[in-house]
C-alpha atoms as a PDB file:
ATOM      1  CA  MET A   1       8.240  15.415 -22.502  1.00  0.00           C
ATOM      2  CA  ILE A   2       7.199  12.803 -19.950  1.00  0.00           C
ATOM      3  CA  SER A   3       5.123  13.960 -16.990  1.00  0.00           C
ATOM      4  CA  HIS A   4       6.157  12.439 -13.697  1.00  0.00           C
ATOM      5  CA  ILE A   5       4.080  11.900 -10.601  1.00  0.00           C
ATOM      6  CA  GLN A   6       5.198  11.162  -7.085  1.00  0.00           C
ATOM      7  CA  LEU A   7       3.746   8.445  -4.921  1.00  0.00           C
ATOM      8  CA  ILE A   8       4.727   9.099  -1.326  1.00  0.00           C
ATOM      9  CA  TRP A   9       4.142   7.095   1.834  1.00  0.00           C
ATOM     10  CA  PRO A  10       5.544   6.797   5.354  1.00  0.00           C
ATOM     11  CA  LEU A  11       8.460   4.454   5.947  1.00  0.00           C
ATOM     12  CA  ALA A  12       6.988   2.605   8.897  1.00  0.00           C
ATOM     13  CA  PHE A  13       4.312   2.567  11.538  1.00  0.00           C
ATOM     14  CA  CYS A  14       3.312   0.332  14.449  1.00  0.00           C
ATOM     15  CA  VAL A  15       0.194  -1.656  15.176  1.00  0.00           C
ATOM     16  CA  ALA A  16       0.028  -2.682  18.818  1.00  0.00           C
ATOM     17  CA  GLY A  17      -0.987  -6.312  18.998  1.00  0.00           C
ATOM     18  CA  ILE A  18      -1.616  -8.968  21.594  1.00  0.00           C
ATOM     19  CA  SER A  19       1.868 -10.412  21.158  1.00  0.00           C
ATOM     20  CA  GLY A  20       3.627  -7.040  20.952  1.00  0.00           C
ATOM     21  CA  ASP A  21       4.125  -4.361  18.359  1.00  0.00           C
ATOM     22  CA  ILE A  22       4.045  -5.338  14.715  1.00  0.00           C
ATOM     23  CA  ILE A  23       6.149  -3.066  12.533  1.00  0.00           C
ATOM     24  CA  MET A  24       4.969  -2.463   8.973  1.00  0.00           C
ATOM     25  CA  SER A  25       7.753  -1.022   6.803  1.00  0.00           C
ATOM     26  CA  GLN A  26       7.138   0.404   3.331  1.00  0.00           C
ATOM     27  CA  SER A  27       9.663   1.131   0.607  1.00  0.00           C
ATOM     28  CA  PRO A  28      10.782   3.158  -1.181  1.00  0.00           C
ATOM     29  CA  PRO A  29       9.700   6.316   0.706  1.00  0.00           C
ATOM     30  CA  VAL A  30       9.190   8.300  -2.527  1.00  0.00           C
ATOM     31  CA  LEU A  31       8.605   6.957  -6.011  1.00  0.00           C
ATOM     32  CA  SER A  32       8.547   9.022  -9.205  1.00  0.00           C
ATOM     33  CA  VAL A  33       6.812   7.301 -12.100  1.00  0.00           C
ATOM     34  CA  GLY A  34       6.021   8.400 -15.632  1.00  0.00           C
ATOM     35  CA  LEU A  35       2.407   8.454 -16.773  1.00  0.00           C
ATOM     36  CA  GLY A  36       1.408   5.068 -18.152  1.00  0.00           C
ATOM     37  CA  GLN A  37       4.202   3.290 -16.313  1.00  0.00           C
ATOM     38  CA  THR A  38       3.920   0.780 -13.465  1.00  0.00           C
ATOM     39  CA  ALA A  39       4.568   1.570  -9.792  1.00  0.00           C
ATOM     40  CA  THR A  40       5.234  -1.060  -7.138  1.00  0.00           C
ATOM     41  CA  ILE A  41       5.170  -0.375  -3.401  1.00  0.00           C
ATOM     42  CA  THR A  42       6.543  -2.940  -0.967  1.00  0.00           C
ATOM     43  CA  CYS A  43       5.327  -3.520   2.576  1.00  0.00           C
ATOM     44  CA  LYS A  44       7.082  -5.861   5.008  1.00  0.00           C
ATOM     45  CA  SER A  45       5.794  -6.977   8.385  1.00  0.00           C
ATOM     46  CA  SER A  46       8.009  -7.762  11.375  1.00  0.00           C
ATOM     47  CA  GLU A  47       5.787 -10.792  12.104  1.00  0.00           C
ATOM     48  CA  ASP A  48       3.529 -13.152  10.170  1.00  0.00           C
ATOM     49  CA  ALA A  49       0.669 -10.964   8.928  1.00  0.00           C
ATOM     50  CA  SER A  50      -1.508 -13.962   7.964  1.00  0.00           C
ATOM     51  CA  GLY A  51      -2.626 -12.182   4.795  1.00  0.00           C
ATOM     52  CA  GLU A  52      -4.440  -9.601   6.906  1.00  0.00           C
ATOM     53  CA  VAL A  53      -2.994  -6.590   5.090  1.00  0.00           C
ATOM     54  CA  SER A  54      -4.935  -3.685   3.620  1.00  0.00           C
ATOM     55  CA  TRP A  55      -3.765  -0.905   1.320  1.00  0.00           C
ATOM     56  CA  TYR A  56      -5.104   2.652   1.438  1.00  0.00           C
ATOM     57  CA  GLN A  57      -4.785   5.667  -0.844  1.00  0.00           C
ATOM     58  CA  GLN A  58      -4.927   9.188   0.576  1.00  0.00           C
ATOM     59  CA  ARG A  59      -5.107  12.076  -1.855  1.00  0.00           C
ATOM     60  CA  GLU A  60      -4.165  15.534  -0.629  1.00  0.00           C
ATOM     61  CA  GLY A  61      -6.920  17.057   1.512  1.00  0.00           C
ATOM     62  CA  GLN A  62      -8.974  13.846   1.561  1.00  0.00           C
ATOM     63  CA  LYS A  63      -9.436  10.995   4.014  1.00  0.00           C
ATOM     64  CA  PRO A  64      -7.846   7.613   3.241  1.00  0.00           C
ATOM     65  CA  SER A  65      -9.802   5.252   1.007  1.00  0.00           C
ATOM     66  CA  LEU A  66      -9.504   1.463   1.002  1.00  0.00           C
ATOM     67  CA  LEU A  67      -7.977  -0.067  -2.129  1.00  0.00           C
ATOM     68  CA  ILE A  68      -7.081  -3.642  -1.184  1.00  0.00           C
ATOM     69  CA  TYR A  69      -8.058  -5.892   1.736  1.00  0.00           C
ATOM     70  CA  TYR A  70      -6.919  -9.408   2.738  1.00  0.00           C
ATOM     71  CA  ALA A  71      -3.714  -8.657   0.809  1.00  0.00           C
ATOM     72  CA  THR A  72      -5.182  -9.354  -2.644  1.00  0.00           C
ATOM     73  CA  SER A  73      -8.903  -8.470  -2.686  1.00  0.00           C
ATOM     74  CA  ARG A  74      -9.810  -5.276  -4.529  1.00  0.00           C
ATOM     75  CA  PHE A  75     -12.410  -3.133  -2.745  1.00  0.00           C
ATOM     76  CA  THR A  76     -15.669  -2.337  -4.563  1.00  0.00           C
ATOM     77  CA  GLY A  77     -15.233   0.303  -7.243  1.00  0.00           C
ATOM     78  CA  VAL A  78     -11.420   0.263  -7.183  1.00  0.00           C
ATOM     79  CA  SER A  79      -9.806   0.236 -10.614  1.00  0.00           C
ATOM     80  CA  SER A  80      -8.302  -3.028 -11.831  1.00  0.00           C
ATOM     81  CA  ARG A  81      -5.065  -1.056 -12.281  1.00  0.00           C
ATOM     82  CA  PHE A  82      -4.509  -1.606  -8.525  1.00  0.00           C
ATOM     83  CA  THR A  83      -3.294  -5.085  -7.608  1.00  0.00           C
ATOM     84  CA  GLY A  84      -2.300  -6.461  -4.222  1.00  0.00           C
ATOM     85  CA  THR A  85       0.074  -9.402  -3.965  1.00  0.00           C
ATOM     86  CA  GLN A  86       1.176 -11.533  -1.029  1.00  0.00           C
ATOM     87  CA  VAL A  87       4.764 -12.581  -1.715  1.00  0.00           C
ATOM     88  CA  SER A  88       5.157 -14.305   1.672  1.00  0.00           C
ATOM     89  CA  SER A  89       3.562 -14.158   5.128  1.00  0.00           C
ATOM     90  CA  THR A  90       5.577 -10.990   5.837  1.00  0.00           C
ATOM     91  CA  HIS A  91       6.036  -9.476   2.351  1.00  0.00           C
ATOM     92  CA  PHE A  92       3.280  -7.687   0.417  1.00  0.00           C
ATOM     93  CA  THR A  93       3.154  -5.433  -2.627  1.00  0.00           C
ATOM     94  CA  LEU A  94       0.769  -2.941  -4.188  1.00  0.00           C
ATOM     95  CA  THR A  95       1.156  -2.528  -7.942  1.00  0.00           C
ATOM     96  CA  ILE A  96      -0.384   0.356  -9.856  1.00  0.00           C
ATOM     97  CA  SER A  97      -0.345  -0.257 -13.599  1.00  0.00           C
ATOM     98  CA  SER A  98      -0.754   2.433 -16.256  1.00  0.00           C
ATOM     99  CA  VAL A  99      -0.221   5.195 -13.688  1.00  0.00           C
ATOM    100  CA  GLN A 100      -2.536   8.200 -14.149  1.00  0.00           C
ATOM    101  CA  ASN A 101      -2.437  11.766 -12.785  1.00  0.00           C
ATOM    102  CA  GLU A 102      -5.204  10.892 -10.313  1.00  0.00           C
ATOM    103  CA  ASP A 103      -2.887   8.330  -8.673  1.00  0.00           C
ATOM    104  CA  VAL A 104      -0.753  11.055  -7.075  1.00  0.00           C
ATOM    105  CA  ALA A 105      -1.307  10.314  -3.386  1.00  0.00           C
ATOM    106  CA  ASP A 106       0.052   8.825  -0.191  1.00  0.00           C
ATOM    107  CA  TYR A 107      -0.256   5.034   0.023  1.00  0.00           C
ATOM    108  CA  TYR A 108      -0.386   3.094   3.280  1.00  0.00           C
ATOM    109  CA  CYS A 109      -0.310  -0.564   4.159  1.00  0.00           C
ATOM    110  CA  GLN A 110      -2.014  -1.713   7.344  1.00  0.00           C
ATOM    111  CA  GLN A 111      -1.864  -5.025   9.173  1.00  0.00           C
ATOM    112  CA  THR A 112      -5.304  -5.864  10.544  1.00  0.00           C
ATOM    113  CA  GLU A 113      -4.753  -9.261  12.199  1.00  0.00           C
ATOM    114  CA  SER A 114      -3.841  -7.870  15.640  1.00  0.00           C
ATOM    115  CA  TRP A 115      -5.431  -4.887  17.352  1.00  0.00           C
ATOM    116  CA  PRO A 116      -4.769  -3.268  20.747  1.00  0.00           C
END
């Protein structure tokens, strides 16, 4: 029997910027993956994000922890199973390879180029 985990994240959120609101949309909203498989989360920005995208993991009952910054840079101590990719100036992905039980969490992308 294969154990499945769910990776869940919000569909979209806004970052208020100097030139207006930037919408960050993630998909799919829920992803079920078998242990040892690969999970890919997509994040698209309504405007050029200039590579200024971070990815966070939030396990139940815990505060969010930084996984990836500047779209592709892994934060200190983060497993090499987590990889950030910049597909274009508005399209980013987070890939989790060899998914483990401890990866069950909410995942968020954040655009950090523009702040209120």
